[in-house]
Amino acid sequence: MDINQARTFLEVASCGSFIMAAERMHVTQTAVSARIRTLEQQLGRQLFVRNKAGARLTSAGERFMRHAATMVQVWERARHQVALPPGRDDAISIGCELSLWQPLLGDWLIRMARDCPEIALRAEVDSSARLLDAVHDGSLDLAVLYNPPQRPGLASELLAEEKLVMVTTRDDGQMHADAYVYVDWGPAFAANHQAAYPELSSPPVSISLGPLALVYLLDVGGASYFRIGSAQPYLDAGLLHRVRDAPEFSHSAYAVYAAQRGNPTLDRARACLLEVAERIK
């Protein structure tokens, strides 16, 4: 088998659909089907049950998941080491959500460049789902995410505990539904928010990016949930106020990586990330 077959298998398993896997890999559905069919022939077992609802793993497919992820990760590690820039002994790749790049990712890059000059660095910013997929298939060594879901073969390490708090531009600390701005802080927040505020299930304004929502709120006015760290300077300046009796929600940052041992470079990168996170608390 080749690495493309393993990548395709992991993509179909992740999204539960041959069609979606083809879209995400930028290939045709025929190519995806052909790769999976060839892989099943080589293994002598059916890996997916196909139906109108999509594709789900068979018991053989479930057992093959760990092996496919390991193969892709080993290949990526080998590719990185063979293609190292001159003067570098190893490489590490890291990704993070947009709202985490400053200061966490920025400080990590500076610290790694200073303390580990022999390691080549690659950093990218993307959505949590795409970053999690990249760590799972081995194209990223490490990702920094808020409240990541558990995945087989991946480990999550707490970096910083943070809270989401509701703030308002009103001096009286009141929230009015007609001026509420919903910010998409992920599935866990959405579930907690729905339970706490079912009357806000159809807010007048919804924004998927926290920093953009903060700019909007400060200019237009209203109430919304933000990370306490990003809201605190505006609370101190009197531009924002905590909404009275509003519940707080956990929004902690985690380092996610393959649950495998024997990678000293990854261990150094994780240790550096933990030190940076501790310093900026």
Protein backbone atom coordinates (compact mmCIF):
# COMPACT_ATOMS: atom_id res chain seq x y z
CA MET A 1 0.00 0.00 0.00
CA ASP A 2 1.07 3.64 -0.39
CA ILE A 3 0.71 6.63 1.91
CA ASN A 4 -2.09 8.13 -0.21
CA GLN A 5 -4.20 5.07 0.51
CA ALA A 6 -3.61 5.44 4.26
CA ARG A 7 -4.39 9.18 4.11
CA THR A 8 -7.57 8.51 2.15
CA PHE A 9 -8.64 5.82 4.60
CA LEU A 10 -8.16 8.22 7.54
CA GLU A 11 -10.02 11.01 5.76
CA VAL A 12 -13.04 8.82 4.98
CA ALA A 13 -13.04 7.50 8.56
CA SER A 14 -12.87 11.06 9.90
CA CYS A 15 -15.75 12.56 7.91
CA GLY A 16 -17.80 9.39 7.37
CA SER A 17 -18.31 10.07 3.68
CA PHE A 18 -16.51 9.26 0.42
CA ILE A 19 -17.92 12.46 -1.11
CA MET A 20 -16.71 14.70 1.72
CA ALA A 21 -13.34 12.98 1.78
CA ALA A 22 -12.92 13.67 -1.93
CA GLU A 23 -13.78 17.36 -1.44
CA ARG A 24 -11.36 17.75 1.47
CA MET A 25 -8.53 15.98 -0.38
CA HIS A 26 -9.25 17.84 -3.65
CA VAL A 27 -9.59 14.64 -5.68
CA THR A 28 -12.51 12.95 -7.38
CA GLN A 29 -14.85 10.58 -5.60
CA THR A 30 -13.75 7.93 -8.10
CA ALA A 31 -10.15 8.31 -6.93
CA VAL A 32 -11.19 7.95 -3.29
CA SER A 33 -13.25 4.85 -4.05
CA ALA A 34 -10.41 3.32 -6.07
CA ARG A 35 -7.88 3.86 -3.28
CA ILE A 36 -10.14 2.31 -0.65
CA ARG A 37 -11.02 -0.59 -2.93
CA THR A 38 -7.33 -1.28 -3.60
CA LEU A 39 -6.55 -1.08 0.10
CA GLU A 40 -9.34 -3.52 0.95
CA GLN A 41 -8.07 -5.92 -1.70
CA GLN A 42 -4.54 -5.75 -0.30
CA LEU A 43 -5.75 -6.35 3.25
CA GLY A 44 -8.34 -8.93 2.24
CA ARG A 45 -10.96 -7.30 4.44
CA GLN A 46 -13.79 -4.80 4.01
CA LEU A 47 -12.95 -1.59 5.86
CA PHE A 48 -16.15 0.41 5.36
CA VAL A 49 -19.86 -0.26 5.17
CA ARG A 50 -21.25 2.01 2.44
CA ASN A 51 -24.82 3.21 2.46
CA LYS A 52 -26.86 6.27 1.54
CA ALA A 53 -25.96 7.91 4.86
CA GLY A 54 -22.24 7.69 4.11
CA ALA A 55 -19.58 5.24 5.23
CA ARG A 56 -18.85 3.72 8.62
CA LEU A 57 -15.94 1.57 9.73
CA THR A 58 -16.24 -2.18 9.98
CA SER A 59 -14.55 -4.01 12.86
CA ALA A 60 -11.55 -4.57 10.56
CA GLY A 61 -11.53 -0.85 9.75
CA GLU A 62 -11.54 0.02 13.44
CA ARG A 63 -8.48 -2.21 13.98
CA PHE A 64 -6.70 -0.69 10.98
CA MET A 65 -7.15 2.92 12.23
CA ARG A 66 -4.16 2.89 14.56
CA HIS A 67 -1.89 1.29 11.97
CA ALA A 68 -2.88 3.76 9.24
CA ALA A 69 -2.26 6.76 11.51
CA THR A 70 1.13 5.36 12.56
CA MET A 71 2.18 4.78 8.94
CA VAL A 72 1.33 8.34 7.92
CA GLN A 73 3.06 9.80 10.98
CA VAL A 74 6.22 7.77 10.37
CA TRP A 75 6.23 8.85 6.72
CA GLU A 76 5.84 12.53 7.61
CA ARG A 77 8.63 12.29 10.15
CA ALA A 78 10.92 10.64 7.59
CA ARG A 79 10.02 13.21 4.93
CA HIS A 80 10.75 16.10 7.27
CA GLN A 81 14.10 14.67 8.36
CA VAL A 82 15.28 13.88 4.83
CA ALA A 83 14.26 17.33 3.55
CA LEU A 84 15.80 19.29 6.42
CA PRO A 85 17.22 22.74 5.63
CA PRO A 86 21.02 23.08 5.82
CA GLY A 87 22.30 23.31 9.38
CA ARG A 88 19.18 21.80 10.97
CA ASP A 89 19.13 18.41 12.69
CA ASP A 90 15.39 17.90 12.96
CA ALA A 91 12.06 19.62 12.34
CA ILE A 92 8.81 20.26 14.18
CA SER A 93 5.47 21.45 12.82
CA ILE A 94 2.82 23.13 14.94
CA GLY A 95 -0.64 24.56 14.30
CA CYS A 96 -3.02 26.59 16.40
CA GLU A 97 -6.41 28.23 16.29
CA LEU A 98 -6.50 31.84 15.12
CA SER A 99 -7.25 33.30 18.54
CA LEU A 100 -4.29 31.44 20.08
CA TRP A 101 -1.46 32.64 17.88
CA GLN A 102 -0.83 35.73 20.00
CA PRO A 103 0.88 35.49 22.37
CA LEU A 104 1.14 31.70 22.77
CA LEU A 105 2.30 30.62 19.32
CA GLY A 106 4.33 33.77 18.75
CA ASP A 107 6.20 33.36 22.04
CA TRP A 108 6.76 29.66 21.37
CA LEU A 109 8.33 30.35 17.96
CA ILE A 110 10.66 32.98 19.46
CA ARG A 111 11.62 30.68 22.33
CA MET A 112 12.28 27.70 20.04
CA ALA A 113 14.37 29.81 17.65
CA ARG A 114 16.49 31.01 20.57
CA ASP A 115 16.85 27.77 22.55
CA CYS A 116 16.72 25.17 19.76
CA PRO A 117 18.36 26.74 16.68
CA GLU A 118 19.14 23.30 15.27
CA ILE A 119 15.40 22.53 14.81
CA ALA A 120 13.54 23.69 11.70
CA LEU A 121 10.13 25.19 12.51
CA ARG A 122 6.85 25.22 10.60
CA ALA A 123 3.77 26.95 11.99
CA GLU A 124 0.26 27.38 10.62
CA VAL A 125 -3.06 28.79 11.79
CA ASP A 126 -6.32 27.08 10.85
CA SER A 127 -9.66 25.86 12.15
CA SER A 128 -9.67 23.41 15.05
CA ALA A 129 -11.20 20.62 12.95
CA ARG A 130 -8.57 20.87 10.22
CA LEU A 131 -5.73 21.08 12.73
CA LEU A 132 -6.99 18.02 14.57
CA ASP A 133 -7.18 16.12 11.29
CA ALA A 134 -3.62 17.21 10.44
CA VAL A 135 -2.26 15.88 13.74
CA HIS A 136 -4.24 12.70 13.28
CA ASP A 137 -2.85 12.03 9.81
CA GLY A 138 0.69 13.05 10.75
CA SER A 139 1.05 16.20 8.65
CA LEU A 140 1.34 18.21 11.89
CA ASP A 141 3.33 17.16 14.95
CA LEU A 142 1.47 19.32 17.42
CA ALA A 143 -1.63 21.50 17.61
CA VAL A 144 -2.82 24.01 20.20
CA LEU A 145 -6.61 23.92 20.48
CA TYR A 146 -9.42 24.93 22.78
CA ASN A 147 -11.25 22.00 24.41
CA PRO A 148 -10.37 19.44 21.67
CA PRO A 149 -12.54 16.32 21.38
CA GLN A 150 -10.92 13.00 22.22
CA ARG A 151 -9.60 10.94 19.31
CA PRO A 152 -8.06 7.47 19.35
CA GLY A 153 -4.28 7.65 19.05
CA LEU A 154 -4.05 11.31 20.13
CA ALA A 155 -3.05 12.72 23.51
CA SER A 156 -4.22 16.05 24.97
CA GLU A 157 -2.14 18.02 27.47
CA LEU A 158 -3.56 20.99 29.38
CA LEU A 159 -1.68 24.23 28.71
CA ALA A 160 -3.84 26.92 30.24
CA GLU A 161 -7.19 27.01 31.96
CA GLU A 162 -9.29 29.91 30.81
CA LYS A 163 -12.91 30.97 31.15
CA LEU A 164 -15.47 32.50 28.86
CA VAL A 165 -17.39 35.30 30.58
CA MET A 166 -20.31 37.39 29.42
CA VAL A 167 -19.55 41.10 29.15
CA THR A 168 -21.59 44.09 28.06
CA THR A 169 -20.98 47.66 27.02
CA ARG A 170 -23.83 48.79 29.29
CA ASP A 171 -22.77 50.51 32.50
CA ASP A 172 -25.56 48.78 34.44
CA GLY A 173 -24.17 45.32 33.64
CA GLN A 174 -27.39 44.16 32.02
CA MET A 175 -27.77 41.91 28.96
CA HIS A 176 -30.58 42.57 26.51
CA ALA A 177 -31.49 39.85 24.03
CA ASP A 178 -32.02 42.29 21.17
CA ALA A 179 -28.38 43.44 21.47
CA TYR A 180 -26.78 40.05 22.09
CA VAL A 181 -23.87 38.87 19.91
CA TYR A 182 -23.28 35.13 19.72
CA VAL A 183 -19.65 34.10 19.24
CA ASP A 184 -18.89 30.57 18.08
CA TRP A 185 -16.48 29.20 20.68
CA GLY A 186 -16.91 25.58 19.57
CA PRO A 187 -19.29 22.64 20.17
CA ALA A 188 -18.80 22.45 23.95
CA PHE A 189 -19.64 26.13 24.37
CA ALA A 190 -22.62 25.83 22.02
CA ALA A 191 -24.10 23.02 24.11
CA ASN A 192 -23.54 24.83 27.41
CA HIS A 193 -24.84 28.11 25.98
CA GLN A 194 -28.00 26.45 24.69
CA ALA A 195 -28.67 24.90 28.10
CA ALA A 196 -28.10 28.20 29.92
CA TYR A 197 -29.79 30.52 27.42
CA PRO A 198 -32.38 28.70 25.30
CA GLU A 199 -34.01 32.09 24.64
CA LEU A 200 -30.84 33.20 22.80
CA SER A 201 -30.86 30.35 20.28
CA SER A 202 -31.59 32.84 17.46
CA PRO A 203 -29.44 35.90 18.28
CA PRO A 204 -29.59 39.01 16.09
CA VAL A 205 -25.86 38.82 15.37
CA SER A 206 -23.61 35.73 15.16
CA ILE A 207 -19.85 35.94 14.56
CA SER A 208 -17.49 32.98 14.24
CA LEU A 209 -14.29 34.82 15.24
CA GLY A 210 -13.75 36.20 18.75
CA PRO A 211 -11.44 39.13 17.87
CA LEU A 212 -13.85 40.29 15.15
CA ALA A 213 -16.78 40.06 17.57
CA LEU A 214 -14.86 42.14 20.12
CA VAL A 215 -14.24 44.90 17.57
CA TYR A 216 -17.93 44.86 16.66
CA LEU A 217 -19.11 44.94 20.28
CA LEU A 218 -16.86 47.82 21.30
CA ASP A 219 -18.12 49.93 18.41
CA VAL A 220 -21.80 48.95 18.14
CA GLY A 221 -22.51 47.91 21.72
CA GLY A 222 -24.26 44.91 23.23
CA ALA A 223 -23.31 41.81 25.18
CA SER A 224 -21.40 38.65 24.36
CA TYR A 225 -19.08 35.94 25.70
CA PHE A 226 -15.30 36.42 25.48
CA ARG A 227 -12.18 34.91 26.94
CA ILE A 228 -11.47 36.59 30.25
CA GLY A 229 -7.86 37.22 29.17
CA SER A 230 -8.89 39.19 26.09
CA ALA A 231 -11.72 41.03 27.86
CA GLN A 232 -9.79 42.02 30.99
CA PRO A 233 -8.01 45.12 29.56
CA TYR A 234 -11.38 46.51 28.46
CA LEU A 235 -12.94 45.66 31.82
CA ASP A 236 -10.10 47.47 33.57
CA ALA A 237 -10.56 50.48 31.30
CA GLY A 238 -14.31 50.61 31.98
CA LEU A 239 -15.21 49.97 28.34
CA LEU A 240 -16.81 46.62 29.18
CA HIS A 241 -18.61 45.33 32.27
CA ARG A 242 -19.32 41.81 33.55
CA VAL A 243 -22.95 40.78 33.14
CA ARG A 244 -24.41 40.10 36.55
CA ASP A 245 -25.10 36.46 37.47
CA ALA A 246 -24.08 35.20 34.02
CA PRO A 247 -22.54 31.69 34.15
CA GLU A 248 -18.89 31.18 33.21
CA PHE A 249 -17.81 28.44 30.81
CA SER A 250 -14.51 26.60 30.64
CA HIS A 251 -12.39 27.35 27.59
CA SER A 252 -9.02 25.75 28.23
CA ALA A 253 -6.15 25.44 25.77
CA TYR A 254 -4.57 22.03 25.13
CA ALA A 255 -1.57 20.69 23.23
CA VAL A 256 -2.64 17.76 21.03
CA TYR A 257 -0.14 15.28 19.60
CA ALA A 258 0.21 11.63 18.60
CA ALA A 259 0.22 9.35 21.62
CA GLN A 260 3.57 7.78 20.84
CA ARG A 261 6.89 7.72 22.64
CA GLY A 262 10.47 8.12 21.56
CA ASN A 263 10.36 11.55 19.83
CA PRO A 264 12.83 13.82 21.68
CA THR A 265 12.15 16.78 19.37
CA LEU A 266 8.42 16.66 20.08
CA ASP A 267 9.17 16.37 23.80
CA ARG A 268 11.33 19.52 23.65
CA ALA A 269 8.65 21.38 21.72
CA ARG A 270 5.99 20.38 24.25
CA ALA A 271 8.18 21.38 27.19
CA CYS A 272 8.81 24.77 25.57
CA LEU A 273 5.08 25.22 24.98
CA LEU A 274 4.28 24.44 28.61
CA GLU A 275 6.88 26.95 29.79
CA VAL A 276 5.52 29.66 27.52
CA ALA A 277 1.93 28.96 28.62
CA GLU A 278 2.95 29.12 32.28
CA ARG A 279 4.70 32.46 31.82
CA ILE A 280 1.75 34.19 30.13
CA LYS A 281 -0.92 33.05 32.60
